[in-house]
Amino acid sequence: ELLGKRIDSDLSRQIKELVCTFPEV
């Protein structure tokens, strides 16, 4: 965690899916 762990897969996919809900994206 302190070194910089890879982003949790479920969270990263959730964020990307949210952003892609905008028609311009």
mmCIF file of all heavy atoms, coordinates in Angstrom:
data_MODEL
# 
_entry.id   MODEL 
# 
loop_
_atom_site.group_PDB 
_atom_site.id 
_atom_site.type_symbol 
_atom_site.label_atom_id 
_atom_site.label_alt_id 
_atom_site.label_comp_id 
_atom_site.label_asym_id 
_atom_site.label_entity_id 
_atom_site.label_seq_id 
_atom_site.pdbx_PDB_ins_code 
_atom_site.Cartn_x 
_atom_site.Cartn_y 
_atom_site.Cartn_z 
_atom_site.occupancy 
_atom_site.B_iso_or_equiv 
_atom_site.pdbx_formal_charge 
_atom_site.auth_seq_id 
_atom_site.auth_comp_id 
_atom_site.auth_asym_id 
_atom_site.auth_atom_id 
_atom_site.pdbx_PDB_model_num 
ATOM 1   N N   . GLU A 1 1  ? 0.833   -1.209 0.000   1.00 0.00 ? 1  GLU A N   1 
ATOM 2   C CA  . GLU A 1 1  ? 0.000   0.000  0.000   1.00 0.00 ? 1  GLU A CA  1 
ATOM 3   C C   . GLU A 1 1  ? 0.864   1.255  0.000   1.00 0.00 ? 1  GLU A C   1 
ATOM 4   O O   . GLU A 1 1  ? 0.597   2.223  -0.724  1.00 0.00 ? 1  GLU A O   1 
ATOM 5   C CB  . GLU A 1 1  ? -0.922  0.005  1.220   1.00 0.00 ? 1  GLU A CB  1 
ATOM 6   C CG  . GLU A 1 1  ? -2.011  -1.062 1.211   1.00 0.00 ? 1  GLU A CG  1 
ATOM 7   C CD  . GLU A 1 1  ? -3.133  -0.760 0.241   1.00 0.00 ? 1  GLU A CD  1 
ATOM 8   O OE1 . GLU A 1 1  ? -3.086  0.276  -0.441  1.00 0.00 ? 1  GLU A OE1 1 
ATOM 9   O OE2 . GLU A 1 1  ? -4.065  -1.575 0.147   1.00 0.00 ? 1  GLU A OE2 1 
ATOM 10  N N   . LEU A 1 2  ? 1.909   1.261  0.814   1.00 0.00 ? 2  LEU A N   1 
ATOM 11  C CA  . LEU A 1 2  ? 2.769   2.443  0.928   1.00 0.00 ? 2  LEU A CA  1 
ATOM 12  C C   . LEU A 1 2  ? 3.600   2.665  -0.333  1.00 0.00 ? 2  LEU A C   1 
ATOM 13  O O   . LEU A 1 2  ? 3.896   3.802  -0.703  1.00 0.00 ? 2  LEU A O   1 
ATOM 14  C CB  . LEU A 1 2  ? 3.682   2.308  2.147   1.00 0.00 ? 2  LEU A CB  1 
ATOM 15  C CG  . LEU A 1 2  ? 2.991   2.390  3.513   1.00 0.00 ? 2  LEU A CG  1 
ATOM 16  C CD1 . LEU A 1 2  ? 3.982   2.100  4.639   1.00 0.00 ? 2  LEU A CD1 1 
ATOM 17  C CD2 . LEU A 1 2  ? 2.364   3.762  3.729   1.00 0.00 ? 2  LEU A CD2 1 
ATOM 18  N N   . LEU A 1 3  ? 3.988   1.577  -0.986  1.00 0.00 ? 3  LEU A N   1 
ATOM 19  C CA  . LEU A 1 3  ? 4.803   1.696  -2.199  1.00 0.00 ? 3  LEU A CA  1 
ATOM 20  C C   . LEU A 1 3  ? 3.985   2.192  -3.393  1.00 0.00 ? 3  LEU A C   1 
ATOM 21  O O   . LEU A 1 3  ? 4.527   2.794  -4.310  1.00 0.00 ? 3  LEU A O   1 
ATOM 22  C CB  . LEU A 1 3  ? 5.432   0.339  -2.544  1.00 0.00 ? 3  LEU A CB  1 
ATOM 23  C CG  . LEU A 1 3  ? 6.595   -0.111 -1.658  1.00 0.00 ? 3  LEU A CG  1 
ATOM 24  C CD1 . LEU A 1 3  ? 7.002   -1.533 -2.012  1.00 0.00 ? 3  LEU A CD1 1 
ATOM 25  C CD2 . LEU A 1 3  ? 7.783   0.825  -1.813  1.00 0.00 ? 3  LEU A CD2 1 
ATOM 26  N N   . GLY A 1 4  ? 2.683   1.946  -3.365  1.00 0.00 ? 4  GLY A N   1 
ATOM 27  C CA  . GLY A 1 4  ? 1.837   2.344  -4.484  1.00 0.00 ? 4  GLY A CA  1 
ATOM 28  C C   . GLY A 1 4  ? 1.238   1.136  -5.167  1.00 0.00 ? 4  GLY A C   1 
ATOM 29  O O   . GLY A 1 4  ? 1.654   0.747  -6.253  1.00 0.00 ? 4  GLY A O   1 
ATOM 30  N N   . LYS A 1 5  ? 0.283   0.522  -4.510  1.00 0.00 ? 5  LYS A N   1 
ATOM 31  C CA  . LYS A 1 5  ? -0.352  -0.700 -4.990  1.00 0.00 ? 5  LYS A CA  1 
ATOM 32  C C   . LYS A 1 5  ? -1.228  -0.418 -6.207  1.00 0.00 ? 5  LYS A C   1 
ATOM 33  O O   . LYS A 1 5  ? -1.793  0.666  -6.334  1.00 0.00 ? 5  LYS A O   1 
ATOM 34  C CB  . LYS A 1 5  ? -1.199  -1.285 -3.857  1.00 0.00 ? 5  LYS A CB  1 
ATOM 35  C CG  . LYS A 1 5  ? -1.738  -2.667 -4.097  1.00 0.00 ? 5  LYS A CG  1 
ATOM 36  C CD  . LYS A 1 5  ? -2.480  -3.130 -2.845  1.00 0.00 ? 5  LYS A CD  1 
ATOM 37  C CE  . LYS A 1 5  ? -3.086  -4.512 -3.020  1.00 0.00 ? 5  LYS A CE  1 
ATOM 38  N NZ  . LYS A 1 5  ? -3.821  -4.925 -1.800  1.00 0.00 ? 5  LYS A NZ  1 
ATOM 39  N N   . ARG A 1 6  ? -1.336  -1.395 -7.080  1.00 0.00 ? 6  ARG A N   1 
ATOM 40  C CA  . ARG A 1 6  ? -2.189  -1.262 -8.256  1.00 0.00 ? 6  ARG A CA  1 
ATOM 41  C C   . ARG A 1 6  ? -3.630  -0.986 -7.830  1.00 0.00 ? 6  ARG A C   1 
ATOM 42  O O   . ARG A 1 6  ? -4.113  -1.526 -6.834  1.00 0.00 ? 6  ARG A O   1 
ATOM 43  C CB  . ARG A 1 6  ? -2.129  -2.541 -9.083  1.00 0.00 ? 6  ARG A CB  1 
ATOM 44  C CG  . ARG A 1 6  ? -2.900  -2.461 -10.406 1.00 0.00 ? 6  ARG A CG  1 
ATOM 45  C CD  . ARG A 1 6  ? -2.770  -3.778 -11.177 1.00 0.00 ? 6  ARG A CD  1 
ATOM 46  N NE  . ARG A 1 6  ? -3.473  -3.723 -12.452 1.00 0.00 ? 6  ARG A NE  1 
ATOM 47  C CZ  . ARG A 1 6  ? -2.975  -3.218 -13.557 1.00 0.00 ? 6  ARG A CZ  1 
ATOM 48  N NH1 . ARG A 1 6  ? -1.753  -2.700 -13.543 1.00 0.00 ? 6  ARG A NH1 1 
ATOM 49  N NH2 . ARG A 1 6  ? -3.671  -3.209 -14.680 1.00 0.00 ? 6  ARG A NH2 1 
ATOM 50  N N   . ILE A 1 7  ? -4.311  -0.170 -8.605  1.00 0.00 ? 7  ILE A N   1 
ATOM 51  C CA  . ILE A 1 7  ? -5.691  0.195  -8.301  1.00 0.00 ? 7  ILE A CA  1 
ATOM 52  C C   . ILE A 1 7  ? -6.570  -1.053 -8.298  1.00 0.00 ? 7  ILE A C   1 
ATOM 53  O O   . ILE A 1 7  ? -6.424  -1.927 -9.148  1.00 0.00 ? 7  ILE A O   1 
ATOM 54  C CB  . ILE A 1 7  ? -6.235  1.186  -9.356  1.00 0.00 ? 7  ILE A CB  1 
ATOM 55  C CG1 . ILE A 1 7  ? -5.325  2.412  -9.456  1.00 0.00 ? 7  ILE A CG1 1 
ATOM 56  C CG2 . ILE A 1 7  ? -7.663  1.616  -9.022  1.00 0.00 ? 7  ILE A CG2 1 
ATOM 57  C CD1 . ILE A 1 7  ? -5.625  3.280  -10.660 1.00 0.00 ? 7  ILE A CD1 1 
ATOM 58  N N   . ASP A 1 8  ? -7.465  -1.126 -7.330  1.00 0.00 ? 8  ASP A N   1 
ATOM 59  C CA  . ASP A 1 8  ? -8.414  -2.232 -7.270  1.00 0.00 ? 8  ASP A CA  1 
ATOM 60  C C   . ASP A 1 8  ? -9.187  -2.320 -8.589  1.00 0.00 ? 8  ASP A C   1 
ATOM 61  O O   . ASP A 1 8  ? -9.728  -1.322 -9.086  1.00 0.00 ? 8  ASP A O   1 
ATOM 62  C CB  . ASP A 1 8  ? -9.388  -2.008 -6.108  1.00 0.00 ? 8  ASP A CB  1 
ATOM 63  C CG  . ASP A 1 8  ? -10.455 -3.084 -6.040  1.00 0.00 ? 8  ASP A CG  1 
ATOM 64  O OD1 . ASP A 1 8  ? -10.127 -4.217 -5.655  1.00 0.00 ? 8  ASP A OD1 1 
ATOM 65  O OD2 . ASP A 1 8  ? -11.612 -2.780 -6.382  1.00 0.00 ? 8  ASP A OD2 1 
ATOM 66  N N   . SER A 1 9  ? -9.245  -3.519 -9.157  1.00 0.00 ? 9  SER A N   1 
ATOM 67  C CA  . SER A 1 9  ? -9.850  -3.704 -10.480 1.00 0.00 ? 9  SER A CA  1 
ATOM 68  C C   . SER A 1 9  ? -11.310 -3.271 -10.519 1.00 0.00 ? 9  SER A C   1 
ATOM 69  O O   . SER A 1 9  ? -11.757 -2.614 -11.466 1.00 0.00 ? 9  SER A O   1 
ATOM 70  C CB  . SER A 1 9  ? -9.747  -5.172 -10.910 1.00 0.00 ? 9  SER A CB  1 
ATOM 71  O OG  . SER A 1 9  ? -8.407  -5.542 -11.082 1.00 0.00 ? 9  SER A OG  1 
ATOM 72  N N   . ASP A 1 10 ? -12.062 -3.635 -9.484  1.00 0.00 ? 10 ASP A N   1 
ATOM 73  C CA  . ASP A 1 10 ? -13.490 -3.286 -9.465  1.00 0.00 ? 10 ASP A CA  1 
ATOM 74  C C   . ASP A 1 10 ? -13.678 -1.772 -9.434  1.00 0.00 ? 10 ASP A C   1 
ATOM 75  O O   . ASP A 1 10 ? -14.560 -1.228 -10.127 1.00 0.00 ? 10 ASP A O   1 
ATOM 76  C CB  . ASP A 1 10 ? -14.180 -3.912 -8.247  1.00 0.00 ? 10 ASP A CB  1 
ATOM 77  C CG  . ASP A 1 10 ? -14.277 -5.433 -8.354  1.00 0.00 ? 10 ASP A CG  1 
ATOM 78  O OD1 . ASP A 1 10 ? -14.222 -5.935 -9.493  1.00 0.00 ? 10 ASP A OD1 1 
ATOM 79  O OD2 . ASP A 1 10 ? -14.402 -6.104 -7.322  1.00 0.00 ? 10 ASP A OD2 1 
ATOM 80  N N   . LEU A 1 11 ? -12.848 -1.090 -8.650  1.00 0.00 ? 11 LEU A N   1 
ATOM 81  C CA  . LEU A 1 11 ? -12.968 0.367  -8.551  1.00 0.00 ? 11 LEU A CA  1 
ATOM 82  C C   . LEU A 1 11 ? -12.578 1.044  -9.865  1.00 0.00 ? 11 LEU A C   1 
ATOM 83  O O   . LEU A 1 11 ? -13.273 1.963  -10.327 1.00 0.00 ? 11 LEU A O   1 
ATOM 84  C CB  . LEU A 1 11 ? -12.096 0.901  -7.417  1.00 0.00 ? 11 LEU A CB  1 
ATOM 85  C CG  . LEU A 1 11 ? -12.095 2.432  -7.230  1.00 0.00 ? 11 LEU A CG  1 
ATOM 86  C CD1 . LEU A 1 11 ? -13.501 2.934  -6.943  1.00 0.00 ? 11 LEU A CD1 1 
ATOM 87  C CD2 . LEU A 1 11 ? -11.128 2.839  -6.126  1.00 0.00 ? 11 LEU A CD2 1 
ATOM 88  N N   . SER A 1 12 ? -11.469 0.596  -10.479 1.00 0.00 ? 12 SER A N   1 
ATOM 89  C CA  . SER A 1 12 ? -11.026 1.228  -11.726 1.00 0.00 ? 12 SER A CA  1 
ATOM 90  C C   . SER A 1 12 ? -12.061 1.029  -12.828 1.00 0.00 ? 12 SER A C   1 
ATOM 91  O O   . SER A 1 12 ? -12.348 1.951  -13.596 1.00 0.00 ? 12 SER A O   1 
ATOM 92  C CB  . SER A 1 12 ? -9.664  0.668  -12.159 1.00 0.00 ? 12 SER A CB  1 
ATOM 93  O OG  . SER A 1 12 ? -9.740  -0.703 -12.472 1.00 0.00 ? 12 SER A OG  1 
ATOM 94  N N   . ARG A 1 13 ? -12.640 -0.155 -12.893 1.00 0.00 ? 13 ARG A N   1 
ATOM 95  C CA  . ARG A 1 13 ? -13.667 -0.405 -13.913 1.00 0.00 ? 13 ARG A CA  1 
ATOM 96  C C   . ARG A 1 13 ? -14.913 0.431  -13.634 1.00 0.00 ? 13 ARG A C   1 
ATOM 97  O O   . ARG A 1 13 ? -15.543 0.946  -14.571 1.00 0.00 ? 13 ARG A O   1 
ATOM 98  C CB  . ARG A 1 13 ? -14.026 -1.896 -13.929 1.00 0.00 ? 13 ARG A CB  1 
ATOM 99  C CG  . ARG A 1 13 ? -12.917 -2.783 -14.475 1.00 0.00 ? 13 ARG A CG  1 
ATOM 100 C CD  . ARG A 1 13 ? -13.426 -4.180 -14.770 1.00 0.00 ? 13 ARG A CD  1 
ATOM 101 N NE  . ARG A 1 13 ? -12.344 -5.047 -15.223 1.00 0.00 ? 13 ARG A NE  1 
ATOM 102 C CZ  . ARG A 1 13 ? -11.771 -5.984 -14.479 1.00 0.00 ? 13 ARG A CZ  1 
ATOM 103 N NH1 . ARG A 1 13 ? -12.175 -6.170 -13.236 1.00 0.00 ? 13 ARG A NH1 1 
ATOM 104 N NH2 . ARG A 1 13 ? -10.805 -6.736 -14.955 1.00 0.00 ? 13 ARG A NH2 1 
ATOM 105 N N   . GLN A 1 14 ? -15.273 0.569  -12.359 1.00 0.00 ? 14 GLN A N   1 
ATOM 106 C CA  . GLN A 1 14 ? -16.445 1.369  -12.017 1.00 0.00 ? 14 GLN A CA  1 
ATOM 107 C C   . GLN A 1 14 ? -16.275 2.817  -12.441 1.00 0.00 ? 14 GLN A C   1 
ATOM 108 O O   . GLN A 1 14 ? -17.179 3.424  -13.028 1.00 0.00 ? 14 GLN A O   1 
ATOM 109 C CB  . GLN A 1 14 ? -16.700 1.303  -10.503 1.00 0.00 ? 14 GLN A CB  1 
ATOM 110 C CG  . GLN A 1 14 ? -17.938 2.091  -10.070 1.00 0.00 ? 14 GLN A CG  1 
ATOM 111 C CD  . GLN A 1 14 ? -18.084 2.172  -8.560  1.00 0.00 ? 14 GLN A CD  1 
ATOM 112 O OE1 . GLN A 1 14 ? -17.232 1.701  -7.802  1.00 0.00 ? 14 GLN A OE1 1 
ATOM 113 N NE2 . GLN A 1 14 ? -19.165 2.769  -8.097  1.00 0.00 ? 14 GLN A NE2 1 
ATOM 114 N N   . ILE A 1 15 ? -15.089 3.384  -12.164 1.00 0.00 ? 15 ILE A N   1 
ATOM 115 C CA  . ILE A 1 15 ? -14.820 4.777  -12.529 1.00 0.00 ? 15 ILE A CA  1 
ATOM 116 C C   . ILE A 1 15 ? -14.851 4.956  -14.046 1.00 0.00 ? 15 ILE A C   1 
ATOM 117 O O   . ILE A 1 15 ? -15.468 5.891  -14.568 1.00 0.00 ? 15 ILE A O   1 
ATOM 118 C CB  . ILE A 1 15 ? -13.470 5.238  -11.955 1.00 0.00 ? 15 ILE A CB  1 
ATOM 119 C CG1 . ILE A 1 15 ? -13.543 5.307  -10.430 1.00 0.00 ? 15 ILE A CG1 1 
ATOM 120 C CG2 . ILE A 1 15 ? -13.070 6.605  -12.521 1.00 0.00 ? 15 ILE A CG2 1 
ATOM 121 C CD1 . ILE A 1 15 ? -12.214 5.608  -9.758  1.00 0.00 ? 15 ILE A CD1 1 
ATOM 122 N N   . LYS A 1 16 ? -14.199 4.051  -14.771 1.00 0.00 ? 16 LYS A N   1 
ATOM 123 C CA  . LYS A 1 16 ? -14.163 4.164  -16.230 1.00 0.00 ? 16 LYS A CA  1 
ATOM 124 C C   . LYS A 1 16 ? -15.560 4.021  -16.847 1.00 0.00 ? 16 LYS A C   1 
ATOM 125 O O   . LYS A 1 16 ? -15.906 4.729  -17.797 1.00 0.00 ? 16 LYS A O   1 
ATOM 126 C CB  . LYS A 1 16 ? -13.213 3.112  -16.809 1.00 0.00 ? 16 LYS A CB  1 
ATOM 127 C CG  . LYS A 1 16 ? -11.742 3.409  -16.518 1.00 0.00 ? 16 LYS A CG  1 
ATOM 128 C CD  . LYS A 1 16 ? -10.824 2.352  -17.092 1.00 0.00 ? 16 LYS A CD  1 
ATOM 129 C CE  . LYS A 1 16 ? -9.370  2.679  -16.806 1.00 0.00 ? 16 LYS A CE  1 
ATOM 130 N NZ  . LYS A 1 16 ? -8.430  1.671  -17.352 1.00 0.00 ? 16 LYS A NZ  1 
ATOM 131 N N   . GLU A 1 17 ? -16.348 3.128  -16.278 1.00 0.00 ? 17 GLU A N   1 
ATOM 132 C CA  . GLU A 1 17 ? -17.720 2.960  -16.774 1.00 0.00 ? 17 GLU A CA  1 
ATOM 133 C C   . GLU A 1 17 ? -18.557 4.207  -16.507 1.00 0.00 ? 17 GLU A C   1 
ATOM 134 O O   . GLU A 1 17 ? -19.370 4.624  -17.349 1.00 0.00 ? 17 GLU A O   1 
ATOM 135 C CB  . GLU A 1 17 ? -18.362 1.734  -16.122 1.00 0.00 ? 17 GLU A CB  1 
ATOM 136 C CG  . GLU A 1 17 ? -17.814 0.409  -16.660 1.00 0.00 ? 17 GLU A CG  1 
ATOM 137 C CD  . GLU A 1 17 ? -18.309 -0.784 -15.868 1.00 0.00 ? 17 GLU A CD  1 
ATOM 138 O OE1 . GLU A 1 17 ? -19.134 -0.593 -14.944 1.00 0.00 ? 17 GLU A OE1 1 
ATOM 139 O OE2 . GLU A 1 17 ? -17.871 -1.918 -16.166 1.00 0.00 ? 17 GLU A OE2 1 
ATOM 140 N N   . LEU A 1 18 ? -18.349 4.831  -15.341 1.00 0.00 ? 18 LEU A N   1 
ATOM 141 C CA  . LEU A 1 18 ? -19.072 6.070  -15.016 1.00 0.00 ? 18 LEU A CA  1 
ATOM 142 C C   . LEU A 1 18 ? -18.722 7.181  -16.004 1.00 0.00 ? 18 LEU A C   1 
ATOM 143 O O   . LEU A 1 18 ? -19.603 7.886  -16.507 1.00 0.00 ? 18 LEU A O   1 
ATOM 144 C CB  . LEU A 1 18 ? -18.719 6.519  -13.591 1.00 0.00 ? 18 LEU A CB  1 
ATOM 145 C CG  . LEU A 1 18 ? -19.403 5.816  -12.436 1.00 0.00 ? 18 LEU A CG  1 
ATOM 146 C CD1 . LEU A 1 18 ? -18.812 6.296  -11.107 1.00 0.00 ? 18 LEU A CD1 1 
ATOM 147 C CD2 . LEU A 1 18 ? -20.903 6.077  -12.450 1.00 0.00 ? 18 LEU A CD2 1 
ATOM 148 N N   . VAL A 1 19 ? -17.425 7.325  -16.266 1.00 0.00 ? 19 VAL A N   1 
ATOM 149 C CA  . VAL A 1 19 ? -16.967 8.382  -17.170 1.00 0.00 ? 19 VAL A CA  1 
ATOM 150 C C   . VAL A 1 19 ? -17.497 8.152  -18.587 1.00 0.00 ? 19 VAL A C   1 
ATOM 151 O O   . VAL A 1 19 ? -17.870 9.092  -19.292 1.00 0.00 ? 19 VAL A O   1 
ATOM 152 C CB  . VAL A 1 19 ? -15.427 8.477  -17.171 1.00 0.00 ? 19 VAL A CB  1 
ATOM 153 C CG1 . VAL A 1 19 ? -14.945 9.510  -18.185 1.00 0.00 ? 19 VAL A CG1 1 
ATOM 154 C CG2 . VAL A 1 19 ? -14.915 8.842  -15.780 1.00 0.00 ? 19 VAL A CG2 1 
ATOM 155 N N   . CYS A 1 20 ? -17.553 6.898  -18.982 1.00 0.00 ? 20 CYS A N   1 
ATOM 156 C CA  . CYS A 1 20 ? -18.012 6.578  -20.345 1.00 0.00 ? 20 CYS A CA  1 
ATOM 157 C C   . CYS A 1 20 ? -19.526 6.727  -20.510 1.00 0.00 ? 20 CYS A C   1 
ATOM 158 O O   . CYS A 1 20 ? -20.041 6.589  -21.631 1.00 0.00 ? 20 CYS A O   1 
ATOM 159 C CB  . CYS A 1 20 ? -17.583 5.168  -20.723 1.00 0.00 ? 20 CYS A CB  1 
ATOM 160 S SG  . CYS A 1 20 ? -15.819 5.043  -21.122 1.00 0.00 ? 20 CYS A SG  1 
ATOM 161 N N   . THR A 1 21 ? -20.245 7.006  -19.426 1.00 0.00 ? 21 THR A N   1 
ATOM 162 C CA  . THR A 1 21 ? -21.690 7.247  -19.565 1.00 0.00 ? 21 THR A CA  1 
ATOM 163 C C   . THR A 1 21 ? -21.971 8.606  -20.195 1.00 0.00 ? 21 THR A C   1 
ATOM 164 O O   . THR A 1 21 ? -23.081 8.844  -20.673 1.00 0.00 ? 21 THR A O   1 
ATOM 165 C CB  . THR A 1 21 ? -22.404 7.174  -18.193 1.00 0.00 ? 21 THR A CB  1 
ATOM 166 O OG1 . THR A 1 21 ? -21.833 8.151  -17.305 1.00 0.00 ? 21 THR A OG1 1 
ATOM 167 C CG2 . THR A 1 21 ? -22.274 5.787  -17.590 1.00 0.00 ? 21 THR A CG2 1 
ATOM 168 N N   . PHE A 1 22 ? -20.970 9.491  -20.209 1.00 0.00 ? 22 PHE A N   1 
ATOM 169 C CA  . PHE A 1 22 ? -21.146 10.786 -20.875 1.00 0.00 ? 22 PHE A CA  1 
ATOM 170 C C   . PHE A 1 22 ? -21.060 10.564 -22.384 1.00 0.00 ? 22 PHE A C   1 
ATOM 171 O O   . PHE A 1 22 ? -20.083 9.988  -22.874 1.00 0.00 ? 22 PHE A O   1 
ATOM 172 C CB  . PHE A 1 22 ? -20.071 11.782 -20.417 1.00 0.00 ? 22 PHE A CB  1 
ATOM 173 C CG  . PHE A 1 22 ? -20.220 12.210 -18.984 1.00 0.00 ? 22 PHE A CG  1 
ATOM 174 C CD1 . PHE A 1 22 ? -19.565 11.516 -17.966 1.00 0.00 ? 22 PHE A CD1 1 
ATOM 175 C CD2 . PHE A 1 22 ? -21.020 13.284 -18.640 1.00 0.00 ? 22 PHE A CD2 1 
ATOM 176 C CE1 . PHE A 1 22 ? -19.701 11.904 -16.644 1.00 0.00 ? 22 PHE A CE1 1 
ATOM 177 C CE2 . PHE A 1 22 ? -21.164 13.677 -17.315 1.00 0.00 ? 22 PHE A CE2 1 
ATOM 178 C CZ  . PHE A 1 22 ? -20.512 12.985 -16.320 1.00 0.00 ? 22 PHE A CZ  1 
ATOM 179 N N   . PRO A 1 23 ? -22.040 11.015 -23.138 1.00 0.00 ? 23 PRO A N   1 
ATOM 180 C CA  . PRO A 1 23 ? -22.074 10.750 -24.583 1.00 0.00 ? 23 PRO A CA  1 
ATOM 181 C C   . PRO A 1 23 ? -20.864 11.295 -25.335 1.00 0.00 ? 23 PRO A C   1 
ATOM 182 O O   . PRO A 1 23 ? -20.480 10.754 -26.378 1.00 0.00 ? 23 PRO A O   1 
ATOM 183 C CB  . PRO A 1 23 ? -23.366 11.429 -25.042 1.00 0.00 ? 23 PRO A CB  1 
ATOM 184 C CG  . PRO A 1 23 ? -23.748 12.375 -23.947 1.00 0.00 ? 23 PRO A CG  1 
ATOM 185 C CD  . PRO A 1 23 ? -23.216 11.788 -22.689 1.00 0.00 ? 23 PRO A CD  1 
ATOM 186 N N   . GLU A 1 24 ? -20.241 12.351 -24.826 1.00 0.00 ? 24 GLU A N   1 
ATOM 187 C CA  . GLU A 1 24 ? -19.081 12.928 -25.516 1.00 0.00 ? 24 GLU A CA  1 
ATOM 188 C C   . GLU A 1 24 ? -17.826 12.054 -25.372 1.00 0.00 ? 24 GLU A C   1 
ATOM 189 O O   . GLU A 1 24 ? -16.901 12.149 -26.178 1.00 0.00 ? 24 GLU A O   1 
ATOM 190 C CB  . GLU A 1 24 ? -18.753 14.327 -24.969 1.00 0.00 ? 24 GLU A CB  1 
ATOM 191 C CG  . GLU A 1 24 ? -19.916 15.314 -25.020 1.00 0.00 ? 24 GLU A CG  1 
ATOM 192 C CD  . GLU A 1 24 ? -20.705 15.333 -23.726 1.00 0.00 ? 24 GLU A CD  1 
ATOM 193 O OE1 . GLU A 1 24 ? -20.730 14.292 -23.024 1.00 0.00 ? 24 GLU A OE1 1 
ATOM 194 O OE2 . GLU A 1 24 ? -21.294 16.381 -23.419 1.00 0.00 ? 24 GLU A OE2 1 
ATOM 195 N N   . VAL A 1 25 ? -17.789 11.232 -24.338 1.00 0.00 ? 25 VAL A N   1 
ATOM 196 C CA  . VAL A 1 25 ? -16.590 10.431 -24.043 1.00 0.00 ? 25 VAL A CA  1 
ATOM 197 C C   . VAL A 1 25 ? -16.588 9.153  -24.885 1.00 0.00 ? 25 VAL A C   1 
ATOM 198 O O   . VAL A 1 25 ? -17.519 8.354  -24.817 1.00 0.00 ? 25 VAL A O   1 
ATOM 199 C CB  . VAL A 1 25 ? -16.520 10.078 -22.545 1.00 0.00 ? 25 VAL A CB  1 
ATOM 200 C CG1 . VAL A 1 25 ? -15.326 9.158  -22.269 1.00 0.00 ? 25 VAL A CG1 1 
ATOM 201 C CG2 . VAL A 1 25 ? -16.415 11.353 -21.712 1.00 0.00 ? 25 VAL A CG2 1 
# 
